[in-house]
PDB file of N, CA and C in Angstrom:
ATOM      1  N   MET A   1     -27.470 -10.693   5.753  1.00  0.00           N
ATOM      2  CA  MET A   1     -27.819  -9.434   4.914  1.00  0.00           C
ATOM      3  C   MET A   1     -29.289  -9.220   4.979  1.00  0.00           C
ATOM      4  N   LEU A   2     -30.092 -10.347   4.884  1.00  0.00           N
ATOM      5  CA  LEU A   2     -31.467 -10.106   5.071  1.00  0.00           C
ATOM      6  C   LEU A   2     -31.946  -9.477   6.274  1.00  0.00           C
ATOM      7  N   TYR A   3     -31.361 -10.075   7.453  1.00  0.00           N
ATOM      8  CA  TYR A   3     -31.730  -9.494   8.723  1.00  0.00           C
ATOM      9  C   TYR A   3     -31.247  -8.040   8.852  1.00  0.00           C
ATOM     10  N   SER A   4     -30.157  -7.659   8.314  1.00  0.00           N
ATOM     11  CA  SER A   4     -29.786  -6.260   8.365  1.00  0.00           C
ATOM     12  C   SER A   4     -30.740  -5.432   7.558  1.00  0.00           C
ATOM     13  N   GLY A   5     -31.156  -5.920   6.319  1.00  0.00           N
ATOM     14  CA  GLY A   5     -32.141  -5.173   5.451  1.00  0.00           C
ATOM     15  C   GLY A   5     -33.378  -4.954   6.130  1.00  0.00           C
ATOM     16  N   ARG A   6     -33.873  -6.022   6.840  1.00  0.00           N
ATOM     17  CA  ARG A   6     -35.158  -5.835   7.614  1.00  0.00           C
ATOM     18  C   ARG A   6     -35.108  -4.915   8.701  1.00  0.00           C
ATOM     19  N   LEU A   7     -33.947  -4.778   9.378  1.00  0.00           N
ATOM     20  CA  LEU A   7     -33.759  -3.847  10.430  1.00  0.00           C
ATOM     21  C   LEU A   7     -33.490  -2.365   9.937  1.00  0.00           C
ATOM     22  N   GLN A   8     -32.667  -2.267   8.813  1.00  0.00           N
ATOM     23  CA  GLN A   8     -32.201  -0.898   8.513  1.00  0.00           C
ATOM     24  C   GLN A   8     -32.951  -0.228   7.440  1.00  0.00           C
ATOM     25  N   LEU A   9     -33.708  -0.956   6.567  1.00  0.00           N
ATOM     26  CA  LEU A   9     -34.473  -0.358   5.443  1.00  0.00           C
ATOM     27  C   LEU A   9     -35.790   0.262   6.070  1.00  0.00           C
ATOM     28  N   PRO A  10     -36.323   1.238   5.368  1.00  0.00           N
ATOM     29  CA  PRO A  10     -37.556   1.848   5.829  1.00  0.00           C
ATOM     30  C   PRO A  10     -38.752   0.846   6.035  1.00  0.00           C
ATOM     31  N   ALA A  11     -39.567   0.972   7.068  1.00  0.00           N
ATOM     32  CA  ALA A  11     -40.673   0.237   7.394  1.00  0.00           C
ATOM     33  C   ALA A  11     -41.564   0.085   6.077  1.00  0.00           C
ATOM     34  N   GLY A  12     -42.030  -1.128   5.737  1.00  0.00           N
ATOM     35  CA  GLY A  12     -42.932  -1.217   4.599  1.00  0.00           C
ATOM     36  C   GLY A  12     -42.090  -1.631   3.319  1.00  0.00           C
ATOM     37  N   THR A  13     -40.784  -1.783   3.438  1.00  0.00           N
ATOM     38  CA  THR A  13     -39.988  -2.141   2.268  1.00  0.00           C
ATOM     39  C   THR A  13     -40.521  -3.638   2.054  1.00  0.00           C
ATOM     40  N   PRO A  14     -40.834  -3.930   0.850  1.00  0.00           N
ATOM     41  CA  PRO A  14     -41.268  -5.320   0.464  1.00  0.00           C
ATOM     42  C   PRO A  14     -40.165  -6.320   0.745  1.00  0.00           C
ATOM     43  N   GLU A  15     -40.443  -7.539   1.255  1.00  0.00           N
ATOM     44  CA  GLU A  15     -39.527  -8.574   1.414  1.00  0.00           C
ATOM     45  C   GLU A  15     -38.821  -8.941   0.196  1.00  0.00           C
ATOM     46  N   GLU A  16     -39.529  -8.926  -0.875  1.00  0.00           N
ATOM     47  CA  GLU A  16     -38.924  -9.373  -2.179  1.00  0.00           C
ATOM     48  C   GLU A  16     -37.749  -8.383  -2.623  1.00  0.00           C
ATOM     49  N   GLU A  17     -38.012  -7.064  -2.257  1.00  0.00           N
ATOM     50  CA  GLU A  17     -36.971  -6.038  -2.525  1.00  0.00           C
ATOM     51  C   GLU A  17     -35.774  -6.198  -1.653  1.00  0.00           C
ATOM     52  N   ILE A  18     -35.941  -6.582  -0.402  1.00  0.00           N
ATOM     53  CA  ILE A  18     -34.893  -6.741   0.588  1.00  0.00           C
ATOM     54  C   ILE A  18     -34.096  -8.052   0.153  1.00  0.00           C
ATOM     55  N   ALA A  19     -34.826  -9.082  -0.269  1.00  0.00           N
ATOM     56  CA  ALA A  19     -34.082 -10.224  -0.703  1.00  0.00           C
ATOM     57  C   ALA A  19     -33.302 -10.046  -1.940  1.00  0.00           C
ATOM     58  N   GLU A  20     -33.806  -9.241  -2.852  1.00  0.00           N
ATOM     59  CA  GLU A  20     -33.150  -8.944  -4.070  1.00  0.00           C
ATOM     60  C   GLU A  20     -31.865  -8.066  -3.842  1.00  0.00           C
ATOM     61  N   LEU A  21     -31.974  -7.064  -2.865  1.00  0.00           N
ATOM     62  CA  LEU A  21     -30.896  -6.209  -2.506  1.00  0.00           C
ATOM     63  C   LEU A  21     -29.678  -7.057  -1.732  1.00  0.00           C
ATOM     64  N   ALA A  22     -30.197  -7.969  -0.932  1.00  0.00           N
ATOM     65  CA  ALA A  22     -29.276  -8.948  -0.328  1.00  0.00           C
ATOM     66  C   ALA A  22     -28.597  -9.826  -1.244  1.00  0.00           C
ATOM     67  N   ASP A  23     -29.193 -10.366  -2.128  1.00  0.00           N
ATOM     68  CA  ASP A  23     -28.580 -11.220  -3.137  1.00  0.00           C
ATOM     69  C   ASP A  23     -27.683 -10.470  -4.088  1.00  0.00           C
ATOM     70  N   THR A  24     -28.053  -9.250  -4.486  1.00  0.00           N
ATOM     71  CA  THR A  24     -27.178  -8.445  -5.266  1.00  0.00           C
ATOM     72  C   THR A  24     -25.945  -8.113  -4.574  1.00  0.00           C
ATOM     73  N   THR A  25     -26.188  -7.666  -3.326  1.00  0.00           N
ATOM     74  CA  THR A  25     -24.945  -7.192  -2.506  1.00  0.00           C
ATOM     75  C   THR A  25     -23.981  -8.335  -2.184  1.00  0.00           C
ATOM     76  N   MET A  26     -24.602  -9.609  -1.897  1.00  0.00           N
ATOM     77  CA  MET A  26     -23.674 -10.705  -1.799  1.00  0.00           C
ATOM     78  C   MET A  26     -22.932 -11.008  -2.897  1.00  0.00           C
ATOM     79  N   ALA A  27     -23.637 -11.093  -4.142  1.00  0.00           N
ATOM     80  CA  ALA A  27     -23.002 -11.445  -5.416  1.00  0.00           C
ATOM     81  C   ALA A  27     -21.921 -10.425  -5.801  1.00  0.00           C
ATOM     82  N   SER A  28     -22.241  -9.152  -5.585  1.00  0.00           N
ATOM     83  CA  SER A  28     -21.157  -8.054  -5.874  1.00  0.00           C
ATOM     84  C   SER A  28     -19.902  -8.155  -4.959  1.00  0.00           C
ATOM     85  N   LEU A  29     -20.103  -8.639  -3.810  1.00  0.00           N
ATOM     86  CA  LEU A  29     -18.952  -8.761  -2.825  1.00  0.00           C
ATOM     87  C   LEU A  29     -18.293 -10.121  -2.968  1.00  0.00           C
ATOM     88  N   GLY A  30     -18.808 -11.002  -3.721  1.00  0.00           N
ATOM     89  CA  GLY A  30     -18.225 -12.315  -3.872  1.00  0.00           C
ATOM     90  C   GLY A  30     -18.453 -13.186  -2.679  1.00  0.00           C
ATOM     91  N   LEU A  31     -19.757 -13.009  -2.155  1.00  0.00           N
ATOM     92  CA  LEU A  31     -20.061 -13.742  -0.889  1.00  0.00           C
ATOM     93  C   LEU A  31     -21.169 -14.842  -1.091  1.00  0.00           C
ATOM     94  N   SER A  32     -21.556 -15.047  -2.344  1.00  0.00           N
ATOM     95  CA  SER A  32     -22.745 -15.906  -2.482  1.00  0.00           C
ATOM     96  C   SER A  32     -22.470 -17.287  -2.102  1.00  0.00           C
ATOM     97  N   ARG A  33     -21.230 -17.762  -2.318  1.00  0.00           N
ATOM     98  CA  ARG A  33     -20.842 -19.195  -1.965  1.00  0.00           C
ATOM     99  C   ARG A  33     -20.818 -19.506  -0.410  1.00  0.00           C
ATOM    100  N   ILE A  34     -20.722 -18.336   0.301  1.00  0.00           N
ATOM    101  CA  ILE A  34     -20.603 -18.549   1.762  1.00  0.00           C
ATOM    102  C   ILE A  34     -21.921 -17.990   2.500  1.00  0.00           C
ATOM    103  N   ALA A  35     -23.022 -17.813   1.664  1.00  0.00           N
ATOM    104  CA  ALA A  35     -24.221 -17.242   2.186  1.00  0.00           C
ATOM    105  C   ALA A  35     -24.803 -17.891   3.485  1.00  0.00           C
ATOM    106  N   ASN A  36     -24.627 -19.198   3.610  1.00  0.00           N
ATOM    107  CA  ASN A  36     -25.166 -19.876   4.801  1.00  0.00           C
ATOM    108  C   ASN A  36     -24.214 -20.366   5.745  1.00  0.00           C
ATOM    109  N   SER A  37     -22.914 -19.829   5.564  1.00  0.00           N
ATOM    110  CA  SER A  37     -21.904 -20.156   6.537  1.00  0.00           C
ATOM    111  C   SER A  37     -21.822 -19.398   7.785  1.00  0.00           C
ATOM    112  N   PRO A  38     -21.456 -19.974   8.874  1.00  0.00           N
ATOM    113  CA  PRO A  38     -21.331 -19.211  10.129  1.00  0.00           C
ATOM    114  C   PRO A  38     -19.958 -18.309   9.960  1.00  0.00           C
ATOM    115  N   VAL A  39     -20.177 -17.063  10.413  1.00  0.00           N
ATOM    116  CA  VAL A  39     -19.092 -16.112  10.474  1.00  0.00           C
ATOM    117  C   VAL A  39     -17.898 -16.633  11.318  1.00  0.00           C
ATOM    118  N   GLY A  40     -18.231 -17.234  12.430  1.00  0.00           N
ATOM    119  CA  GLY A  40     -17.228 -17.710  13.492  1.00  0.00           C
ATOM    120  C   GLY A  40     -16.891 -16.853  14.450  1.00  0.00           C
ATOM    121  N   ASP A  41     -16.192 -17.313  15.442  1.00  0.00           N
ATOM    122  CA  ASP A  41     -15.698 -16.565  16.589  1.00  0.00           C
ATOM    123  C   ASP A  41     -14.459 -16.924  17.153  1.00  0.00           C
ATOM    124  N   ALA A  42     -13.934 -16.574  18.191  1.00  0.00           N
ATOM    125  CA  ALA A  42     -12.661 -16.964  18.895  1.00  0.00           C
ATOM    126  C   ALA A  42     -12.562 -18.517  19.062  1.00  0.00           C
ATOM    127  N   SER A  43     -13.665 -19.077  19.385  1.00  0.00           N
ATOM    128  CA  SER A  43     -13.632 -20.562  19.514  1.00  0.00           C
ATOM    129  C   SER A  43     -13.946 -21.384  18.424  1.00  0.00           C
ATOM    130  N   ARG A  44     -14.578 -20.838  17.380  1.00  0.00           N
ATOM    131  CA  ARG A  44     -15.058 -21.602  16.133  1.00  0.00           C
ATOM    132  C   ARG A  44     -14.513 -20.973  14.968  1.00  0.00           C
ATOM    133  N   ARG A  45     -14.068 -21.805  14.080  1.00  0.00           N
ATOM    134  CA  ARG A  45     -13.452 -21.189  12.770  1.00  0.00           C
ATOM    135  C   ARG A  45     -14.689 -20.938  11.903  1.00  0.00           C
ATOM    136  N   GLY A  46     -14.657 -19.875  11.080  1.00  0.00           N
ATOM    137  CA  GLY A  46     -15.733 -19.647  10.216  1.00  0.00           C
ATOM    138  C   GLY A  46     -15.214 -19.227   8.937  1.00  0.00           C
ATOM    139  N   ILE A  47     -15.689 -18.183   8.403  1.00  0.00           N
ATOM    140  CA  ILE A  47     -15.222 -17.609   7.124  1.00  0.00           C
ATOM    141  C   ILE A  47     -13.892 -16.963   7.313  1.00  0.00           C
ATOM    142  N   SER A  48     -13.209 -16.681   6.189  1.00  0.00           N
ATOM    143  CA  SER A  48     -11.878 -16.008   6.196  1.00  0.00           C
ATOM    144  C   SER A  48     -11.959 -14.593   6.663  1.00  0.00           C
ATOM    145  N   GLY A  49     -10.788 -14.059   6.976  1.00  0.00           N
ATOM    146  CA  GLY A  49     -10.834 -12.552   7.418  1.00  0.00           C
ATOM    147  C   GLY A  49     -11.256 -11.614   6.299  1.00  0.00           C
ATOM    148  N   GLY A  50     -10.827 -11.935   5.136  1.00  0.00           N
ATOM    149  CA  GLY A  50     -11.167 -10.992   3.989  1.00  0.00           C
ATOM    150  C   GLY A  50     -12.690 -11.172   3.804  1.00  0.00           C
ATOM    151  N   GLU A  51     -13.273 -12.290   3.863  1.00  0.00           N
ATOM    152  CA  GLU A  51     -14.784 -12.416   3.728  1.00  0.00           C
ATOM    153  C   GLU A  51     -15.581 -11.786   4.890  1.00  0.00           C
ATOM    154  N   LYS A  52     -14.895 -11.744   6.138  1.00  0.00           N
ATOM    155  CA  LYS A  52     -15.503 -11.050   7.210  1.00  0.00           C
ATOM    156  C   LYS A  52     -15.548  -9.534   6.968  1.00  0.00           C
ATOM    157  N   LYS A  53     -14.453  -9.014   6.338  1.00  0.00           N
ATOM    158  CA  LYS A  53     -14.489  -7.604   5.958  1.00  0.00           C
ATOM    159  C   LYS A  53     -15.518  -7.216   5.020  1.00  0.00           C
ATOM    160  N   ARG A  54     -15.661  -8.081   3.999  1.00  0.00           N
ATOM    161  CA  ARG A  54     -16.673  -7.983   3.053  1.00  0.00           C
ATOM    162  C   ARG A  54     -18.133  -7.983   3.453  1.00  0.00           C
ATOM    163  N   VAL A  55     -18.281  -8.998   4.481  1.00  0.00           N
ATOM    164  CA  VAL A  55     -19.626  -9.101   5.091  1.00  0.00           C
ATOM    165  C   VAL A  55     -20.004  -7.788   5.824  1.00  0.00           C
ATOM    166  N   ASN A  56     -18.979  -7.262   6.468  1.00  0.00           N
ATOM    167  CA  ASN A  56     -19.340  -5.855   7.222  1.00  0.00           C
ATOM    168  C   ASN A  56     -19.520  -4.875   6.227  1.00  0.00           C
ATOM    169  N   ILE A  57     -18.910  -4.782   5.080  1.00  0.00           N
ATOM    170  CA  ILE A  57     -19.195  -3.821   4.018  1.00  0.00           C
ATOM    171  C   ILE A  57     -20.671  -4.005   3.553  1.00  0.00           C
ATOM    172  N   GLY A  58     -20.972  -5.286   3.237  1.00  0.00           N
ATOM    173  CA  GLY A  58     -22.342  -5.586   2.779  1.00  0.00           C
ATOM    174  C   GLY A  58     -23.310  -5.159   3.746  1.00  0.00           C
ATOM    175  N   LEU A  59     -23.169  -5.389   5.074  1.00  0.00           N
ATOM    176  CA  LEU A  59     -24.156  -4.987   6.000  1.00  0.00           C
ATOM    177  C   LEU A  59     -24.365  -3.437   5.929  1.00  0.00           C
ATOM    178  N   GLU A  60     -23.254  -2.655   5.745  1.00  0.00           N
ATOM    179  CA  GLU A  60     -23.457  -1.305   5.457  1.00  0.00           C
ATOM    180  C   GLU A  60     -24.152  -0.856   4.190  1.00  0.00           C
ATOM    181  N   LEU A  61     -23.799  -1.582   3.180  1.00  0.00           N
ATOM    182  CA  LEU A  61     -24.490  -1.352   1.885  1.00  0.00           C
ATOM    183  C   LEU A  61     -25.965  -1.636   1.886  1.00  0.00           C
ATOM    184  N   MET A  62     -26.332  -2.537   2.737  1.00  0.00           N
ATOM    185  CA  MET A  62     -27.857  -2.931   2.823  1.00  0.00           C
ATOM    186  C   MET A  62     -28.659  -1.664   3.349  1.00  0.00           C
ATOM    187  N   LYS A  63     -28.040  -0.690   3.824  1.00  0.00           N
ATOM    188  CA  LYS A  63     -28.670   0.547   4.331  1.00  0.00           C
ATOM    189  C   LYS A  63     -28.829   1.438   3.172  1.00  0.00           C
ATOM    190  N   ARG A  64     -28.419   1.145   1.981  1.00  0.00           N
ATOM    191  CA  ARG A  64     -28.519   2.080   0.751  1.00  0.00           C
ATOM    192  C   ARG A  64     -27.827   3.466   1.148  1.00  0.00           C
ATOM    193  N   PRO A  65     -26.614   3.522   1.623  1.00  0.00           N
ATOM    194  CA  PRO A  65     -26.035   4.806   1.997  1.00  0.00           C
ATOM    195  C   PRO A  65     -25.763   5.732   0.845  1.00  0.00           C
ATOM    196  N   LYS A  66     -25.749   7.046   0.973  1.00  0.00           N
ATOM    197  CA  LYS A  66     -25.327   7.960  -0.145  1.00  0.00           C
ATOM    198  C   LYS A  66     -23.757   8.080  -0.155  1.00  0.00           C
ATOM    199  N   ILE A  67     -23.129   8.007   1.094  1.00  0.00           N
ATOM    200  CA  ILE A  67     -21.745   8.066   1.171  1.00  0.00           C
ATOM    201  C   ILE A  67     -21.236   6.916   2.096  1.00  0.00           C
ATOM    202  N   LEU A  68     -20.186   6.311   1.769  1.00  0.00           N
ATOM    203  CA  LEU A  68     -19.622   5.132   2.615  1.00  0.00           C
ATOM    204  C   LEU A  68     -18.100   5.413   2.853  1.00  0.00           C
ATOM    205  N   PHE A  69     -17.827   5.620   4.062  1.00  0.00           N
ATOM    206  CA  PHE A  69     -16.428   5.910   4.433  1.00  0.00           C
ATOM    207  C   PHE A  69     -15.785   4.585   4.943  1.00  0.00           C
ATOM    208  N   LEU A  70     -14.717   4.195   4.461  1.00  0.00           N
ATOM    209  CA  LEU A  70     -13.948   3.098   4.711  1.00  0.00           C
ATOM    210  C   LEU A  70     -12.465   3.376   5.035  1.00  0.00           C
ATOM    211  N   ASP A  71     -11.958   2.619   5.923  1.00  0.00           N
ATOM    212  CA  ASP A  71     -10.457   2.856   6.231  1.00  0.00           C
ATOM    213  C   ASP A  71      -9.775   1.586   5.828  1.00  0.00           C
ATOM    214  N   GLU A  72      -8.928   1.714   4.825  1.00  0.00           N
ATOM    215  CA  GLU A  72      -8.158   0.626   4.400  1.00  0.00           C
ATOM    216  C   GLU A  72      -6.720   0.901   4.760  1.00  0.00           C
ATOM    217  N   ALA A  73      -6.169   0.034   5.594  1.00  0.00           N
ATOM    218  CA  ALA A  73      -4.826   0.237   6.185  1.00  0.00           C
ATOM    219  C   ALA A  73      -3.743   0.474   5.054  1.00  0.00           C
ATOM    220  N   SER A  74      -3.849  -0.264   3.996  1.00  0.00           N
ATOM    221  CA  SER A  74      -2.703  -0.131   2.935  1.00  0.00           C
ATOM    222  C   SER A  74      -3.346  -0.313   1.562  1.00  0.00           C
ATOM    223  N   ILE A  75      -3.712   0.632   0.847  1.00  0.00           N
ATOM    224  CA  ILE A  75      -4.215   0.526  -0.507  1.00  0.00           C
ATOM    225  C   ILE A  75      -3.261  -0.056  -1.468  1.00  0.00           C
ATOM    226  N   GLU A  76      -1.965   0.084  -1.169  1.00  0.00           N
ATOM    227  CA  GLU A  76      -1.004  -0.561  -2.069  1.00  0.00           C
ATOM    228  C   GLU A  76      -1.067  -2.061  -2.135  1.00  0.00           C
ATOM    229  N   GLU A  77      -1.506  -2.640  -1.084  1.00  0.00           N
ATOM    230  CA  GLU A  77      -1.519  -4.065  -0.965  1.00  0.00           C
ATOM    231  C   GLU A  77      -2.759  -4.690  -1.894  1.00  0.00           C
ATOM    232  N   ARG A  78      -3.677  -3.895  -2.402  1.00  0.00           N
ATOM    233  CA  ARG A  78      -4.759  -4.396  -3.113  1.00  0.00           C
ATOM    234  C   ARG A  78      -5.460  -5.553  -2.492  1.00  0.00           C
ATOM    235  N   THR A  79      -6.043  -5.179  -1.204  1.00  0.00           N
ATOM    236  CA  THR A  79      -6.688  -6.088  -0.407  1.00  0.00           C
ATOM    237  C   THR A  79      -8.033  -6.372  -0.973  1.00  0.00           C
ATOM    238  N   ASP A  80      -8.714  -7.530  -0.528  1.00  0.00           N
ATOM    239  CA  ASP A  80     -10.002  -7.872  -0.974  1.00  0.00           C
ATOM    240  C   ASP A  80     -10.971  -6.646  -0.963  1.00  0.00           C
ATOM    241  N   ALA A  81     -10.992  -5.850   0.170  1.00  0.00           N
ATOM    242  CA  ALA A  81     -11.870  -4.825   0.257  1.00  0.00           C
ATOM    243  C   ALA A  81     -11.615  -3.714  -0.804  1.00  0.00           C
ATOM    244  N   PHE A  82     -10.365  -3.485  -1.031  1.00  0.00           N
ATOM    245  CA  PHE A  82     -10.127  -2.443  -2.194  1.00  0.00           C
ATOM    246  C   PHE A  82     -10.476  -2.907  -3.338  1.00  0.00           C
ATOM    247  N   LEU A  83     -10.330  -4.161  -3.831  1.00  0.00           N
ATOM    248  CA  LEU A  83     -10.686  -4.651  -5.106  1.00  0.00           C
ATOM    249  C   LEU A  83     -12.147  -4.712  -5.299  1.00  0.00           C
ATOM    250  N   VAL A  84     -12.870  -5.010  -4.167  1.00  0.00           N
ATOM    251  CA  VAL A  84     -14.398  -4.988  -4.299  1.00  0.00           C
ATOM    252  C   VAL A  84     -14.880  -3.622  -4.498  1.00  0.00           C
ATOM    253  N   LEU A  85     -14.384  -2.684  -3.794  1.00  0.00           N
ATOM    254  CA  LEU A  85     -14.945  -1.366  -3.868  1.00  0.00           C
ATOM    255  C   LEU A  85     -14.412  -0.561  -5.089  1.00  0.00           C
ATOM    256  N   SER A  86     -13.305  -0.980  -5.647  1.00  0.00           N
ATOM    257  CA  SER A  86     -12.954  -0.365  -6.986  1.00  0.00           C
ATOM    258  C   SER A  86     -13.424  -0.956  -8.187  1.00  0.00           C
ATOM    259  N   SER A  87     -14.386  -1.910  -8.005  1.00  0.00           N
ATOM    260  CA  SER A  87     -14.920  -2.707  -9.089  1.00  0.00           C
ATOM    261  C   SER A  87     -16.125  -1.947  -9.633  1.00  0.00           C
ATOM    262  N   ASP A  88     -16.465  -2.187 -10.840  1.00  0.00           N
ATOM    263  CA  ASP A  88     -17.576  -1.430 -11.470  1.00  0.00           C
ATOM    264  C   ASP A  88     -18.900  -1.913 -10.890  1.00  0.00           C
ATOM    265  N   LEU A  89     -18.896  -3.090 -10.129  1.00  0.00           N
ATOM    266  CA  LEU A  89     -20.228  -3.703  -9.678  1.00  0.00           C
ATOM    267  C   LEU A  89     -20.789  -2.752  -8.517  1.00  0.00           C
ATOM    268  N   LEU A  90     -20.017  -2.061  -7.760  1.00  0.00           N
ATOM    269  CA  LEU A  90     -20.472  -1.339  -6.658  1.00  0.00           C
ATOM    270  C   LEU A  90     -20.608   0.168  -6.830  1.00  0.00           C
ATOM    271  N   VAL A  91     -19.951   0.699  -7.983  1.00  0.00           N
ATOM    272  CA  VAL A  91     -19.945   1.985  -8.249  1.00  0.00           C
ATOM    273  C   VAL A  91     -21.206   2.480  -8.915  1.00  0.00           C
ATOM    274  N   SER A  92     -21.934   3.396  -8.302  1.00  0.00           N
ATOM    275  CA  SER A  92     -23.157   3.783  -8.973  1.00  0.00           C
ATOM    276  C   SER A  92     -23.265   5.319  -8.705  1.00  0.00           C
ATOM    277  N   PRO A  93     -24.000   5.917  -9.386  1.00  0.00           N
ATOM    278  CA  PRO A  93     -24.215   7.292  -9.340  1.00  0.00           C
ATOM    279  C   PRO A  93     -24.740   7.870  -7.975  1.00  0.00           C
ATOM    280  N   SER A  94     -25.409   7.019  -7.254  1.00  0.00           N
ATOM    281  CA  SER A  94     -25.959   7.407  -6.008  1.00  0.00           C
ATOM    282  C   SER A  94     -25.083   7.055  -4.807  1.00  0.00           C
ATOM    283  N   LEU A  95     -23.994   6.317  -5.039  1.00  0.00           N
ATOM    284  CA  LEU A  95     -23.037   6.045  -3.817  1.00  0.00           C
ATOM    285  C   LEU A  95     -21.761   6.552  -4.092  1.00  0.00           C
ATOM    286  N   MET A  96     -21.292   7.303  -3.129  1.00  0.00           N
ATOM    287  CA  MET A  96     -19.803   7.832  -3.117  1.00  0.00           C
ATOM    288  C   MET A  96     -19.113   6.998  -2.151  1.00  0.00           C
ATOM    289  N   ILE A  97     -17.873   6.530  -2.628  1.00  0.00           N
ATOM    290  CA  ILE A  97     -16.984   5.858  -1.678  1.00  0.00           C
ATOM    291  C   ILE A  97     -15.728   6.571  -1.610  1.00  0.00           C
TER     292      ILE A  97
END
């Protein structure tokens, strides 16, 4: 999240602000406990599939978007991504999901 913030946020954004946004984003997405875990790949097991989805959502949220479009295959299943995005933690007046 920090790396994404450093690359995506405007030049001159204070490091403390980037770190705070990363911490808040990870906490909101339930990712704090895996903050230093490898994501993994085809040859190495890493975090779970639901956690990978939430990491990708977090990387997008680090850009502070006004609108965030997501494709959820089946809302009826109440997947991790749906639960996270429907929570009060991520809903703000400046972000439309």
